[in-house]
Amino acid sequence: MASHRRPKQPSRARVSVLTAAAATAVALSAQVSAHAAPAQPNKDEVKAQVDKLLEEQEQAAEKYNGAKERADQLHKQADQLQDQIARSQAQMTDLAAGLAAVAADEYRTGGVDPSMQLMLSTDPDKYLAQASSFEQAANTQADTLRTLKDQQRRLDQQKQEAAAVLAELDSSTQALNDAKNQVQEKLKEAQKLLSKLSAADRAAILGGGAAASRSDSRYDLSSLPQPGGYAGVAVNAAMGKRGSAYVWGATGPSTFDCSGLMVWAYKQAGVSLPRTSQSQASVGTGVPLSAAQPGDLVIYYGDAHHVGMYIGNGLVVHAPRTGDVVKVMAVDTLPIKTIRRV
C-alpha cells in the first residue's frame, strides 16, 4: 500500500528569502525604468509651463519698475532736502557770526538786551516760553534765527523720513530681484525641455524671433485709422518699433517691456506717463472697448500687469514678453481690465 506523505511546507526562513528576492527584483526593475530614456516632452505641457513662468516674470518686472521709479523719486527728494539744509545752515552760520559781533559790542557797552539773549540762546524755544512779553522777541534778526531753526528741524525730519522710506524700498527691490532670479531659474528648467523640441515647436511656444516680427502679416494694417494730435504721434512711434525685442525693465529706444513701450511712445508726443502698467491703469479717463480710439491704453489681467496701445480696427500694438518682440495682436486676445484715454 503506497504511503501518502504531506508535501513539506517551506520554512519561514525560505519564505523570507524568496520574498526578499522578489522585492529586490521589483526594486531593480523600478530603477531600470527610472534610468530609462525619458519620454519626449509634450509640446502643450511645455508651453503651459513656459507661459506661466513668463507671466510671473512680467508681474515681477512691473513690480520692480514701480519700486525703482519710487526709489528714484526719493533719491531726488533726499538730495533736494540735503541742499536745502546745507543752505539753511550756511545762512545760520553767517547770522550767528554777525550776532556774535553785535553781542560782543553790547557786552563791552554794558550788557546784552533780552532780544539778544534770545538770539544767543542754545534753546530759543524755552527762552520764548519763559519770556514775559513777545515784544522781547520782535527783533527782526531774532525772528530770522527762529525761522531758520524751525526750518532746519523740519528739513531734518523730512530727511530722516525719506531715508527710512528709501531703505525700505531698497529692501523691497532686493526682494523683487531675488524673486525674479527664482523665476529665471525655473525658466532655465523649462528651456531644457524646449531644447528637446524642434525649432518650429520652440518658435511656436515662444512666439519670438523673425517669425514673430512677421506675425503682423495676418492682420490688415493698411486700413488703420490715422489719428491726429499727440495720440497719433504715440501710435506711430509704437508701430515704428514693431520687431524690437522685449527686455524687462527697458524703455527704449531699441528694446522695451510692455509699459516701457507706452512710456517711450507717449514721450515722443511730449506726454509723460507713469512707469508701470498698474499706474497707467489709472491715468486719463476710462472708456469702454466699444468706444476705444487709437492711442488708448489697454490694460490687461486683474492685477494690471500688462498693457498695450489701441491702434484701431480691434487691434493693439504691445511688447508681449521675454523671447518675443513688439507686435500687433487682437485687442481681446488677453483679458481686459480697463481702457484709458490719455
C-alpha atoms as a PDB file:
ATOM      1  CA  MET A   1       0.000   0.000   0.000  1.00  0.00           C
ATOM      2  CA  ALA A   2       1.524   3.240  -1.064  1.00  0.00           C
ATOM      3  CA  SER A   3       2.135   5.758   1.633  1.00  0.00           C
ATOM      4  CA  HIS A   4       0.749   9.255   1.252  1.00  0.00           C
ATOM      5  CA  ARG A   5       3.055  11.933   2.561  1.00  0.00           C
ATOM      6  CA  ARG A   6       2.007  15.534   3.100  1.00  0.00           C
ATOM      7  CA  PRO A   7       4.114  17.888   0.971  1.00  0.00           C
ATOM      8  CA  LYS A   8       6.786  19.526   3.040  1.00  0.00           C
ATOM      9  CA  GLN A   9       5.959  23.152   3.795  1.00  0.00           C
ATOM     10  CA  PRO A  10       8.706  25.703   3.120  1.00  0.00           C
ATOM     11  CA  SER A  11      10.345  27.035   6.203  1.00  0.00           C
ATOM     12  CA  ARG A  12       9.773  30.616   7.363  1.00  0.00           C
ATOM     13  CA  ALA A  13      13.361  31.416   6.542  1.00  0.00           C
ATOM     14  CA  ARG A  14      12.904  30.167   2.976  1.00  0.00           C
ATOM     15  CA  VAL A  15       9.730  32.263   2.583  1.00  0.00           C
ATOM     16  CA  SER A  16      11.584  35.322   3.842  1.00  0.00           C
ATOM     17  CA  VAL A  17      14.408  34.767   1.365  1.00  0.00           C
ATOM     18  CA  LEU A  18      12.012  34.346  -1.550  1.00  0.00           C
ATOM     19  CA  THR A  19      10.042  37.428  -0.526  1.00  0.00           C
ATOM     20  CA  ALA A  20      13.199  39.490  -0.241  1.00  0.00           C
ATOM     21  CA  ALA A  21      14.367  38.272  -3.621  1.00  0.00           C
ATOM     22  CA  ALA A  22      11.079  39.250  -5.191  1.00  0.00           C
ATOM     23  CA  ALA A  23      11.225  42.682  -3.602  1.00  0.00           C
ATOM     24  CA  THR A  24      14.768  43.161  -4.842  1.00  0.00           C
ATOM     25  CA  ALA A  25      13.695  42.191  -8.332  1.00  0.00           C
ATOM     26  CA  VAL A  26      10.852  44.731  -8.228  1.00  0.00           C
ATOM     27  CA  ALA A  27      13.195  47.432  -6.944  1.00  0.00           C
ATOM     28  CA  LEU A  28      15.768  46.718  -9.631  1.00  0.00           C
ATOM     29  CA  SER A  29      13.045  46.803 -12.239  1.00  0.00           C
ATOM     30  CA  ALA A  30      11.904  50.183 -10.937  1.00  0.00           C
ATOM     31  CA  GLN A  31      15.463  51.511 -11.036  1.00  0.00           C
ATOM     32  CA  VAL A  32      15.908  50.327 -14.589  1.00  0.00           C
ATOM     33  CA  SER A  33      12.660  52.042 -15.520  1.00  0.00           C
ATOM     34  CA  ALA A  34      13.726  55.211 -13.740  1.00  0.00           C
ATOM     35  CA  HIS A  35      17.004  55.328 -15.665  1.00  0.00           C
ATOM     36  CA  ALA A  36      15.344  54.610 -18.970  1.00  0.00           C
ATOM     37  CA  ALA A  37      15.345  57.400 -21.545  1.00  0.00           C
ATOM     38  CA  PRO A  38      12.671  59.966 -20.619  1.00  0.00           C
ATOM     39  CA  ALA A  39       9.706  60.264 -22.884  1.00  0.00           C
ATOM     40  CA  GLN A  40       9.690  63.082 -25.400  1.00  0.00           C
ATOM     41  CA  PRO A  41       8.142  66.098 -23.640  1.00  0.00           C
ATOM     42  CA  ASN A  42       4.667  67.078 -24.705  1.00  0.00           C
ATOM     43  CA  LYS A  43       4.689  70.423 -26.513  1.00  0.00           C
ATOM     44  CA  ASP A  44       1.445  71.585 -24.909  1.00  0.00           C
ATOM     45  CA  GLU A  45       2.750  70.820 -21.411  1.00  0.00           C
ATOM     46  CA  VAL A  46       5.990  72.689 -22.095  1.00  0.00           C
ATOM     47  CA  LYS A  47       4.046  75.643 -23.474  1.00  0.00           C
ATOM     48  CA  ALA A  48       1.848  75.812 -20.373  1.00  0.00           C
ATOM     49  CA  GLN A  49       4.907  75.796 -18.122  1.00  0.00           C
ATOM     50  CA  VAL A  50       6.775  78.433 -20.116  1.00  0.00           C
ATOM     51  CA  ASP A  51       3.688  80.651 -20.374  1.00  0.00           C
ATOM     52  CA  LYS A  52       3.246  80.540 -16.600  1.00  0.00           C
ATOM     53  CA  LEU A  53       6.891  81.353 -15.945  1.00  0.00           C
ATOM     54  CA  LEU A  54       6.916  84.273 -18.382  1.00  0.00           C
ATOM     55  CA  GLU A  55       3.734  85.701 -16.894  1.00  0.00           C
ATOM     56  CA  GLU A  56       5.292  85.510 -13.416  1.00  0.00           C
ATOM     57  CA  GLN A  57       8.406  87.216 -14.754  1.00  0.00           C
ATOM     58  CA  GLU A  58       6.380  90.056 -16.253  1.00  0.00           C
ATOM     59  CA  GLN A  59       4.481  90.523 -12.995  1.00  0.00           C
ATOM     60  CA  ALA A  60       7.768  90.745 -11.083  1.00  0.00           C
ATOM     61  CA  ALA A  61       9.230  93.115 -13.677  1.00  0.00           C
ATOM     62  CA  GLU A  62       6.324  95.558 -13.340  1.00  0.00           C
ATOM     63  CA  LYS A  63       6.693  95.492  -9.543  1.00  0.00           C
ATOM     64  CA  TYR A  64      10.404  96.157  -9.968  1.00  0.00           C
ATOM     65  CA  ASN A  65       9.675  99.059 -12.306  1.00  0.00           C
ATOM     66  CA  GLY A  66       7.384 100.633  -9.723  1.00  0.00           C
ATOM     67  CA  ALA A  67       9.870 100.187  -6.883  1.00  0.00           C
ATOM     68  CA  LYS A  68      12.678 101.664  -8.965  1.00  0.00           C
ATOM     69  CA  GLU A  69      10.574 104.641 -10.004  1.00  0.00           C
ATOM     70  CA  ARG A  70       9.703 105.376  -6.375  1.00  0.00           C
ATOM     71  CA  ALA A  71      13.313 104.916  -5.254  1.00  0.00           C
ATOM     72  CA  ASP A  72      14.493 107.359  -7.921  1.00  0.00           C
ATOM     73  CA  GLN A  73      11.944 109.908  -6.724  1.00  0.00           C
ATOM     74  CA  LEU A  74      13.099 109.531  -3.130  1.00  0.00           C
ATOM     75  CA  HIS A  75      16.759 109.827  -4.118  1.00  0.00           C
ATOM     76  CA  LYS A  76      15.952 113.124  -5.807  1.00  0.00           C
ATOM     77  CA  GLN A  77      13.887 114.304  -2.828  1.00  0.00           C
ATOM     78  CA  ALA A  78      16.668 113.417  -0.378  1.00  0.00           C
ATOM     79  CA  ASP A  79      19.211 115.322  -2.473  1.00  0.00           C
ATOM     80  CA  GLN A  80      16.969 118.384  -2.525  1.00  0.00           C
ATOM     81  CA  LEU A  81      16.483 118.216   1.247  1.00  0.00           C
ATOM     82  CA  GLN A  82      20.203 117.966   1.825  1.00  0.00           C
ATOM     83  CA  ASP A  83      20.802 121.001  -0.392  1.00  0.00           C
ATOM     84  CA  GLN A  84      18.155 122.995   1.471  1.00  0.00           C
ATOM     85  CA  ILE A  85      19.603 122.035   4.839  1.00  0.00           C
ATOM     86  CA  ALA A  86      23.093 122.987   3.721  1.00  0.00           C
ATOM     87  CA  ARG A  87      21.881 126.401   2.571  1.00  0.00           C
ATOM     88  CA  SER A  88      19.983 126.973   5.822  1.00  0.00           C
ATOM     89  CA  GLN A  89      22.981 126.004   7.892  1.00  0.00           C
ATOM     90  CA  ALA A  90      25.197 128.358   5.901  1.00  0.00           C
ATOM     91  CA  GLN A  91      22.701 131.187   6.455  1.00  0.00           C
ATOM     92  CA  MET A  92      22.559 130.409  10.169  1.00  0.00           C
ATOM     93  CA  THR A  93      26.344 130.347  10.390  1.00  0.00           C
ATOM     94  CA  ASP A  94      26.563 133.783   8.774  1.00  0.00           C
ATOM     95  CA  LEU A  95      23.803 135.132  11.011  1.00  0.00           C
ATOM     96  CA  ALA A  96      25.361 133.675  14.163  1.00  0.00           C
ATOM     97  CA  ALA A  97      28.685 135.255  13.289  1.00  0.00           C
ATOM     98  CA  GLY A  98      27.010 138.638  12.871  1.00  0.00           C
ATOM     99  CA  LEU A  99      25.066 138.254  16.122  1.00  0.00           C
ATOM    100  CA  ALA A 100      28.211 137.290  17.997  1.00  0.00           C
ATOM    101  CA  ALA A 101      29.855 140.507  16.850  1.00  0.00           C
ATOM    102  CA  VAL A 102      26.826 142.550  17.960  1.00  0.00           C
ATOM    103  CA  ALA A 103      26.749 140.752  21.324  1.00  0.00           C
ATOM    104  CA  ALA A 104      30.422 141.483  21.895  1.00  0.00           C
ATOM    105  CA  ASP A 105      29.851 145.197  21.257  1.00  0.00           C
ATOM    106  CA  GLU A 106      26.853 145.304  23.613  1.00  0.00           C
ATOM    107  CA  TYR A 107      28.736 143.460  26.326  1.00  0.00           C
ATOM    108  CA  ARG A 108      31.528 145.998  26.148  1.00  0.00           C
ATOM    109  CA  THR A 109      28.998 148.816  26.417  1.00  0.00           C
ATOM    110  CA  GLY A 110      27.113 147.453  29.409  1.00  0.00           C
ATOM    111  CA  GLY A 111      25.251 144.209  28.852  1.00  0.00           C
ATOM    112  CA  VAL A 112      23.051 142.204  26.496  1.00  0.00           C
ATOM    113  CA  ASP A 113      19.425 143.056  25.970  1.00  0.00           C
ATOM    114  CA  PRO A 114      16.676 140.352  26.161  1.00  0.00           C
ATOM    115  CA  SER A 115      16.251 140.066  22.401  1.00  0.00           C
ATOM    116  CA  MET A 116      19.969 139.441  22.045  1.00  0.00           C
ATOM    117  CA  GLN A 117      19.745 136.787  24.756  1.00  0.00           C
ATOM    118  CA  LEU A 118      17.150 135.068  22.609  1.00  0.00           C
ATOM    119  CA  MET A 119      19.434 135.171  19.595  1.00  0.00           C
ATOM    120  CA  LEU A 120      22.320 133.642  21.518  1.00  0.00           C
ATOM    121  CA  SER A 121      20.264 131.136  23.498  1.00  0.00           C
ATOM    122  CA  THR A 122      21.032 127.460  22.900  1.00  0.00           C
ATOM    123  CA  ASP A 123      17.318 126.771  23.423  1.00  0.00           C
ATOM    124  CA  PRO A 124      15.345 129.655  21.843  1.00  0.00           C
ATOM    125  CA  ASP A 125      12.024 127.791  22.230  1.00  0.00           C
ATOM    126  CA  LYS A 126      12.490 127.588  26.010  1.00  0.00           C
ATOM    127  CA  TYR A 127      13.517 131.233  26.190  1.00  0.00           C
ATOM    128  CA  LEU A 128      10.450 132.317  24.225  1.00  0.00           C
ATOM    129  CA  ALA A 129       8.189 130.302  26.554  1.00  0.00           C
ATOM    130  CA  GLN A 130       9.706 131.976  29.592  1.00  0.00           C
ATOM    131  CA  ALA A 131       9.775 135.475  28.167  1.00  0.00           C
ATOM    132  CA  SER A 132       7.383 137.888  29.904  1.00  0.00           C
ATOM    133  CA  SER A 133       6.478 139.601  26.662  1.00  0.00           C
ATOM    134  CA  PHE A 134       6.597 138.568  22.997  1.00  0.00           C
ATOM    135  CA  GLU A 135       7.922 142.048  22.179  1.00  0.00           C
ATOM    136  CA  GLN A 136      11.247 140.876  23.582  1.00  0.00           C
ATOM    137  CA  ALA A 137      11.483 138.547  20.546  1.00  0.00           C
ATOM    138  CA  ALA A 138      10.232 141.057  17.974  1.00  0.00           C
ATOM    139  CA  ASN A 139      13.670 141.891  16.736  1.00  0.00           C
ATOM    140  CA  THR A 140      13.973 141.084  13.014  1.00  0.00           C
ATOM    141  CA  GLN A 141      17.178 139.155  13.478  1.00  0.00           C
ATOM    142  CA  ALA A 142      15.641 137.076  16.265  1.00  0.00           C
ATOM    143  CA  ASP A 143      12.662 136.189  14.067  1.00  0.00           C
ATOM    144  CA  THR A 144      15.016 135.205  11.279  1.00  0.00           C
ATOM    145  CA  LEU A 145      17.025 132.978  13.587  1.00  0.00           C
ATOM    146  CA  ARG A 146      13.914 131.298  14.927  1.00  0.00           C
ATOM    147  CA  THR A 147      12.576 130.709  11.408  1.00  0.00           C
ATOM    148  CA  LEU A 148      15.837 129.174  10.293  1.00  0.00           C
ATOM    149  CA  LYS A 149      15.946 126.888  13.310  1.00  0.00           C
ATOM    150  CA  ASP A 150      12.361 125.764  12.682  1.00  0.00           C
ATOM    151  CA  GLN A 151      13.149 125.164   9.018  1.00  0.00           C
ATOM    152  CA  GLN A 152      16.203 123.127   9.885  1.00  0.00           C
ATOM    153  CA  ARG A 153      14.170 120.950  12.261  1.00  0.00           C
ATOM    154  CA  ARG A 154      11.555 120.337   9.577  1.00  0.00           C
ATOM    155  CA  LEU A 155      14.162 119.517   6.963  1.00  0.00           C
ATOM    156  CA  ASP A 156      15.982 117.168   9.322  1.00  0.00           C
ATOM    157  CA  GLN A 157      12.726 115.327   9.956  1.00  0.00           C
ATOM    158  CA  GLN A 158      11.912 115.111   6.252  1.00  0.00           C
ATOM    159  CA  LYS A 159      15.390 113.824   5.536  1.00  0.00           C
ATOM    160  CA  GLN A 160      15.026 111.101   8.168  1.00  0.00           C
ATOM    161  CA  GLU A 161      11.635 110.088   6.800  1.00  0.00           C
ATOM    162  CA  ALA A 162      12.933 109.965   3.236  1.00  0.00           C
ATOM    163  CA  ALA A 163      15.929 107.882   4.305  1.00  0.00           C
ATOM    164  CA  ALA A 164      13.657 105.413   6.103  1.00  0.00           C
ATOM    165  CA  VAL A 165      11.355 105.031   3.104  1.00  0.00           C
ATOM    166  CA  LEU A 166      14.325 104.723   0.771  1.00  0.00           C
ATOM    167  CA  ALA A 167      15.842 101.977   2.901  1.00  0.00           C
ATOM    168  CA  GLU A 168      12.522 100.142   2.855  1.00  0.00           C
ATOM    169  CA  LEU A 169      12.285 100.442  -0.921  1.00  0.00           C
ATOM    170  CA  ASP A 170      15.857  99.239  -1.360  1.00  0.00           C
ATOM    171  CA  SER A 171      14.997  96.185   0.711  1.00  0.00           C
ATOM    172  CA  SER A 172      11.809  95.622  -1.285  1.00  0.00           C
ATOM    173  CA  THR A 173      13.649  95.975  -4.587  1.00  0.00           C
ATOM    174  CA  GLN A 174      16.211  93.405  -3.464  1.00  0.00           C
ATOM    175  CA  ALA A 175      13.402  91.013  -2.588  1.00  0.00           C
ATOM    176  CA  LEU A 176      11.873  91.540  -6.033  1.00  0.00           C
ATOM    177  CA  ASN A 177      15.239  90.877  -7.662  1.00  0.00           C
ATOM    178  CA  ASP A 178      15.502  87.646  -5.704  1.00  0.00           C
ATOM    179  CA  ALA A 179      12.019  86.654  -6.851  1.00  0.00           C
ATOM    180  CA  LYS A 180      12.920  87.353 -10.482  1.00  0.00           C
ATOM    181  CA  ASN A 181      16.049  85.248 -10.120  1.00  0.00           C
ATOM    182  CA  GLN A 182      13.921  82.360  -8.919  1.00  0.00           C
ATOM    183  CA  VAL A 183      11.582  82.742 -11.892  1.00  0.00           C
ATOM    184  CA  GLN A 184      14.554  82.849 -14.250  1.00  0.00           C
ATOM    185  CA  GLU A 185      15.899  79.645 -12.715  1.00  0.00           C
ATOM    186  CA  LYS A 186      12.556  77.999 -13.412  1.00  0.00           C
ATOM    187  CA  LEU A 187      12.726  79.355 -16.933  1.00  0.00           C
ATOM    188  CA  LYS A 188      16.085  77.662 -17.423  1.00  0.00           C
ATOM    189  CA  GLU A 189      14.484  74.372 -16.465  1.00  0.00           C
ATOM    190  CA  ALA A 190      11.692  74.939 -18.950  1.00  0.00           C
ATOM    191  CA  GLN A 191      14.226  75.789 -21.642  1.00  0.00           C
ATOM    192  CA  LYS A 192      15.890  72.438 -21.063  1.00  0.00           C
ATOM    193  CA  LEU A 193      12.610  70.911 -22.155  1.00  0.00           C
ATOM    194  CA  LEU A 194      12.370  73.360 -25.030  1.00  0.00           C
ATOM    195  CA  SER A 195      15.771  72.240 -26.253  1.00  0.00           C
ATOM    196  CA  LYS A 196      14.328  68.772 -26.876  1.00  0.00           C
ATOM    197  CA  LEU A 197      11.668  70.159 -29.195  1.00  0.00           C
ATOM    198  CA  SER A 198      12.053  71.029 -32.821  1.00  0.00           C
ATOM    199  CA  ALA A 199      12.965  74.576 -33.799  1.00  0.00           C
ATOM    200  CA  ALA A 200       9.467  75.072 -35.187  1.00  0.00           C
ATOM    201  CA  ASP A 201       7.836  73.958 -31.928  1.00  0.00           C
ATOM    202  CA  ARG A 202      10.139  76.191 -29.889  1.00  0.00           C
ATOM    203  CA  ALA A 203       9.295  79.181 -32.063  1.00  0.00           C
ATOM    204  CA  ALA A 204       5.596  78.383 -31.784  1.00  0.00           C
ATOM    205  CA  ILE A 205       5.827  78.335 -27.976  1.00  0.00           C
ATOM    206  CA  LEU A 206       7.995  81.421 -27.510  1.00  0.00           C
ATOM    207  CA  GLY A 207       6.496  83.398 -30.380  1.00  0.00           C
ATOM    208  CA  GLY A 208       9.713  85.350 -30.868  1.00  0.00           C
ATOM    209  CA  GLY A 209      12.386  85.773 -33.489  1.00  0.00           C
ATOM    210  CA  ALA A 210      11.943  86.591 -37.144  1.00  0.00           C
ATOM    211  CA  ALA A 211       8.660  84.715 -37.319  1.00  0.00           C
ATOM    212  CA  ALA A 212       7.209  86.976 -34.650  1.00  0.00           C
ATOM    213  CA  SER A 213       8.270  90.132 -36.453  1.00  0.00           C
ATOM    214  CA  ARG A 214       6.352  88.885 -39.494  1.00  0.00           C
ATOM    215  CA  SER A 215       3.272  87.847 -37.492  1.00  0.00           C
ATOM    216  CA  ASP A 216       1.626  91.195 -38.223  1.00  0.00           C
ATOM    217  CA  SER A 217       1.003  89.929 -41.727  1.00  0.00           C
ATOM    218  CA  ARG A 218      -2.083  88.114 -40.503  1.00  0.00           C
ATOM    219  CA  TYR A 219      -3.705  91.498 -39.844  1.00  0.00           C
ATOM    220  CA  ASP A 220      -4.696  94.125 -42.375  1.00  0.00           C
ATOM    221  CA  LEU A 221      -2.725  97.163 -41.249  1.00  0.00           C
ATOM    222  CA  SER A 222      -3.275  99.116 -44.442  1.00  0.00           C
ATOM    223  CA  SER A 223      -6.687 100.394 -43.408  1.00  0.00           C
ATOM    224  CA  LEU A 224      -5.875 101.538 -39.877  1.00  0.00           C
ATOM    225  CA  PRO A 225      -7.296 104.952 -38.917  1.00  0.00           C
ATOM    226  CA  GLN A 226      -4.839 107.830 -38.881  1.00  0.00           C
ATOM    227  CA  PRO A 227      -5.326 109.709 -35.601  1.00  0.00           C
ATOM    228  CA  GLY A 228      -4.071 113.237 -35.112  1.00  0.00           C
ATOM    229  CA  GLY A 229      -2.605 115.073 -32.157  1.00  0.00           C
ATOM    230  CA  TYR A 230      -0.379 113.537 -29.532  1.00  0.00           C
ATOM    231  CA  ALA A 231      -2.270 110.207 -29.692  1.00  0.00           C
ATOM    232  CA  GLY A 232      -1.370 109.930 -33.370  1.00  0.00           C
ATOM    233  CA  VAL A 233       2.301 110.641 -32.629  1.00  0.00           C
ATOM    234  CA  ALA A 234       2.303 107.971 -29.908  1.00  0.00           C
ATOM    235  CA  VAL A 235       0.645 105.365 -32.142  1.00  0.00           C
ATOM    236  CA  ASN A 236       3.086 105.983 -34.988  1.00  0.00           C
ATOM    237  CA  ALA A 237       6.024 105.818 -32.577  1.00  0.00           C
ATOM    238  CA  ALA A 238       4.885 102.496 -31.107  1.00  0.00           C
ATOM    239  CA  MET A 239       4.096 100.989 -34.501  1.00  0.00           C
ATOM    240  CA  GLY A 240       7.529 102.054 -35.718  1.00  0.00           C
ATOM    241  CA  LYS A 241       9.092  99.779 -33.080  1.00  0.00           C
ATOM    242  CA  ARG A 242       7.493  96.542 -34.307  1.00  0.00           C
ATOM    243  CA  GLY A 243      10.121  93.818 -34.303  1.00  0.00           C
ATOM    244  CA  SER A 244      12.060  95.360 -31.381  1.00  0.00           C
ATOM    245  CA  ALA A 245      12.886  92.836 -28.666  1.00  0.00           C
ATOM    246  CA  TYR A 246      11.084  92.621 -25.339  1.00  0.00           C
ATOM    247  CA  VAL A 247      13.504  93.181 -22.445  1.00  0.00           C
ATOM    248  CA  TRP A 248      12.121  93.599 -18.947  1.00  0.00           C
ATOM    249  CA  GLY A 249      12.847  96.984 -17.397  1.00  0.00           C
ATOM    250  CA  ALA A 250      13.606  98.563 -20.795  1.00  0.00           C
ATOM    251  CA  THR A 251      12.058 101.832 -22.021  1.00  0.00           C
ATOM    252  CA  GLY A 252      13.662 102.043 -25.456  1.00  0.00           C
ATOM    253  CA  PRO A 253      14.751 103.157 -27.842  1.00  0.00           C
ATOM    254  CA  SER A 254      15.650  99.684 -29.156  1.00  0.00           C
ATOM    255  CA  THR A 255      14.217  97.325 -26.504  1.00  0.00           C
ATOM    256  CA  PHE A 256      11.066  97.579 -24.399  1.00  0.00           C
ATOM    257  CA  ASP A 257       8.905  95.945 -21.811  1.00  0.00           C
ATOM    258  CA  CYS A 258       5.128  96.396 -22.050  1.00  0.00           C
ATOM    259  CA  SER A 259       4.781  99.589 -20.006  1.00  0.00           C
ATOM    260  CA  GLY A 260       8.156 100.865 -21.223  1.00  0.00           C
ATOM    261  CA  LEU A 261       6.843 100.904 -24.793  1.00  0.00           C
ATOM    262  CA  MET A 262       3.887 103.060 -23.706  1.00  0.00           C
ATOM    263  CA  VAL A 263       6.171 105.458 -21.797  1.00  0.00           C
ATOM    264  CA  TRP A 264       8.561 105.799 -24.743  1.00  0.00           C
ATOM    265  CA  ALA A 265       5.828 106.209 -27.387  1.00  0.00           C
ATOM    266  CA  TYR A 266       3.988 108.935 -25.499  1.00  0.00           C
ATOM    267  CA  LYS A 267       7.261 110.644 -24.616  1.00  0.00           C
ATOM    268  CA  GLN A 268       7.766 111.181 -28.354  1.00  0.00           C
ATOM    269  CA  ALA A 269       4.500 113.143 -28.257  1.00  0.00           C
ATOM    270  CA  GLY A 270       5.636 115.212 -25.258  1.00  0.00           C
ATOM    271  CA  VAL A 271       3.357 113.356 -22.826  1.00  0.00           C
ATOM    272  CA  SER A 272       4.700 111.849 -19.604  1.00  0.00           C
ATOM    273  CA  LEU A 273       3.206 108.542 -18.432  1.00  0.00           C
ATOM    274  CA  PRO A 274       3.835 106.734 -15.150  1.00  0.00           C
ATOM    275  CA  ARG A 275       6.308 103.877 -15.430  1.00  0.00           C
ATOM    276  CA  THR A 276       4.230 100.802 -14.620  1.00  0.00           C
ATOM    277  CA  SER A 277       1.177  99.215 -16.209  1.00  0.00           C
ATOM    278  CA  GLN A 278      -0.527  99.330 -12.793  1.00  0.00           C
ATOM    279  CA  SER A 279      -0.051 103.104 -12.600  1.00  0.00           C
ATOM    280  CA  GLN A 280      -1.017 103.532 -16.248  1.00  0.00           C
ATOM    281  CA  ALA A 281      -4.310 101.799 -15.400  1.00  0.00           C
ATOM    282  CA  SER A 282      -5.417 104.960 -13.575  1.00  0.00           C
ATOM    283  CA  VAL A 283      -4.298 107.722 -15.956  1.00  0.00           C
ATOM    284  CA  GLY A 284      -6.697 109.758 -18.043  1.00  0.00           C
ATOM    285  CA  THR A 285     -10.304 108.663 -18.465  1.00  0.00           C
ATOM    286  CA  GLY A 286     -11.743 105.172 -18.620  1.00  0.00           C
ATOM    287  CA  VAL A 287     -13.611 104.220 -21.798  1.00  0.00           C
ATOM    288  CA  PRO A 288     -15.456 101.054 -22.891  1.00  0.00           C
ATOM    289  CA  LEU A 289     -13.997  98.827 -25.591  1.00  0.00           C
ATOM    290  CA  SER A 290     -16.782  99.849 -27.926  1.00  0.00           C
ATOM    291  CA  ALA A 291     -15.561 103.466 -27.747  1.00  0.00           C
ATOM    292  CA  ALA A 292     -11.810 102.768 -27.898  1.00  0.00           C
ATOM    293  CA  GLN A 293      -9.752 105.103 -30.092  1.00  0.00           C
ATOM    294  CA  PRO A 294      -6.158 104.892 -31.381  1.00  0.00           C
ATOM    295  CA  GLY A 295      -3.748 105.859 -28.632  1.00  0.00           C
ATOM    296  CA  ASP A 296      -5.871 104.492 -25.782  1.00  0.00           C
ATOM    297  CA  LEU A 297      -4.033 102.291 -23.279  1.00  0.00           C
ATOM    298  CA  VAL A 298      -5.497  98.803 -22.928  1.00  0.00           C
ATOM    299  CA  ILE A 299      -4.670  97.312 -19.520  1.00  0.00           C
ATOM    300  CA  TYR A 300      -4.813  93.526 -19.165  1.00  0.00           C
ATOM    301  CA  TYR A 301      -5.336  90.997 -16.359  1.00  0.00           C
ATOM    302  CA  GLY A 302      -6.859  91.517 -12.937  1.00  0.00           C
ATOM    303  CA  ASP A 303      -3.594  92.789 -11.456  1.00  0.00           C
ATOM    304  CA  ALA A 304      -2.953  95.086 -14.456  1.00  0.00           C
ATOM    305  CA  HIS A 305       0.476  93.591 -15.180  1.00  0.00           C
ATOM    306  CA  HIS A 306       0.302  94.038 -18.973  1.00  0.00           C
ATOM    307  CA  VAL A 307      -0.550  96.938 -21.274  1.00  0.00           C
ATOM    308  CA  GLY A 308      -0.880  97.591 -24.995  1.00  0.00           C
ATOM    309  CA  MET A 309      -1.863 100.559 -27.170  1.00  0.00           C
ATOM    310  CA  TYR A 310      -5.047 100.520 -29.203  1.00  0.00           C
ATOM    311  CA  ILE A 311      -4.403 101.292 -32.879  1.00  0.00           C
ATOM    312  CA  GLY A 312      -7.906 100.862 -34.319  1.00  0.00           C
ATOM    313  CA  ASN A 313      -9.787  98.081 -36.131  1.00  0.00           C
ATOM    314  CA  GLY A 314      -9.834  95.930 -32.990  1.00  0.00           C
ATOM    315  CA  LEU A 315      -6.026  95.759 -32.708  1.00  0.00           C
ATOM    316  CA  VAL A 316      -3.322  96.798 -30.245  1.00  0.00           C
ATOM    317  CA  VAL A 317       0.447  97.095 -30.504  1.00  0.00           C
ATOM    318  CA  HIS A 318       2.363  95.797 -27.490  1.00  0.00           C
ATOM    319  CA  ALA A 319       5.612  94.304 -26.193  1.00  0.00           C
ATOM    320  CA  PRO A 320       4.429  90.817 -25.190  1.00  0.00           C
ATOM    321  CA  ARG A 321       7.044  89.013 -23.076  1.00  0.00           C
ATOM    322  CA  THR A 322      10.579  87.653 -22.855  1.00  0.00           C
ATOM    323  CA  GLY A 323      11.599  85.947 -26.098  1.00  0.00           C
ATOM    324  CA  ASP A 324       9.100  87.925 -28.138  1.00  0.00           C
ATOM    325  CA  VAL A 325       9.098  91.252 -29.973  1.00  0.00           C
ATOM    326  CA  VAL A 326       6.880  94.323 -30.287  1.00  0.00           C
ATOM    327  CA  LYS A 327       3.953  93.350 -32.482  1.00  0.00           C
ATOM    328  CA  VAL A 328       0.236  93.641 -33.147  1.00  0.00           C
ATOM    329  CA  MET A 329      -2.496  91.427 -31.692  1.00  0.00           C
ATOM    330  CA  ALA A 330      -6.286  91.453 -31.445  1.00  0.00           C
ATOM    331  CA  VAL A 331      -7.384  93.692 -28.599  1.00  0.00           C
ATOM    332  CA  ASP A 332      -9.365  90.925 -26.881  1.00  0.00           C
ATOM    333  CA  THR A 333      -6.647  88.262 -27.046  1.00  0.00           C
ATOM    334  CA  LEU A 334      -5.960  88.765 -23.332  1.00  0.00           C
ATOM    335  CA  PRO A 335      -8.457  89.542 -20.524  1.00  0.00           C
ATOM    336  CA  ILE A 336      -9.040  93.323 -20.474  1.00  0.00           C
ATOM    337  CA  LYS A 337      -9.115  95.121 -17.117  1.00  0.00           C
ATOM    338  CA  THR A 338      -9.615  98.695 -18.285  1.00  0.00           C
ATOM    339  CA  ILE A 339      -9.046 101.039 -21.235  1.00  0.00           C
ATOM    340  CA  ARG A 340      -7.674 104.507 -20.526  1.00  0.00           C
ATOM    341  CA  ARG A 341      -7.720 107.585 -22.728  1.00  0.00           C
ATOM    342  CA  VAL A 342      -4.607 109.661 -22.018  1.00  0.00           C
END
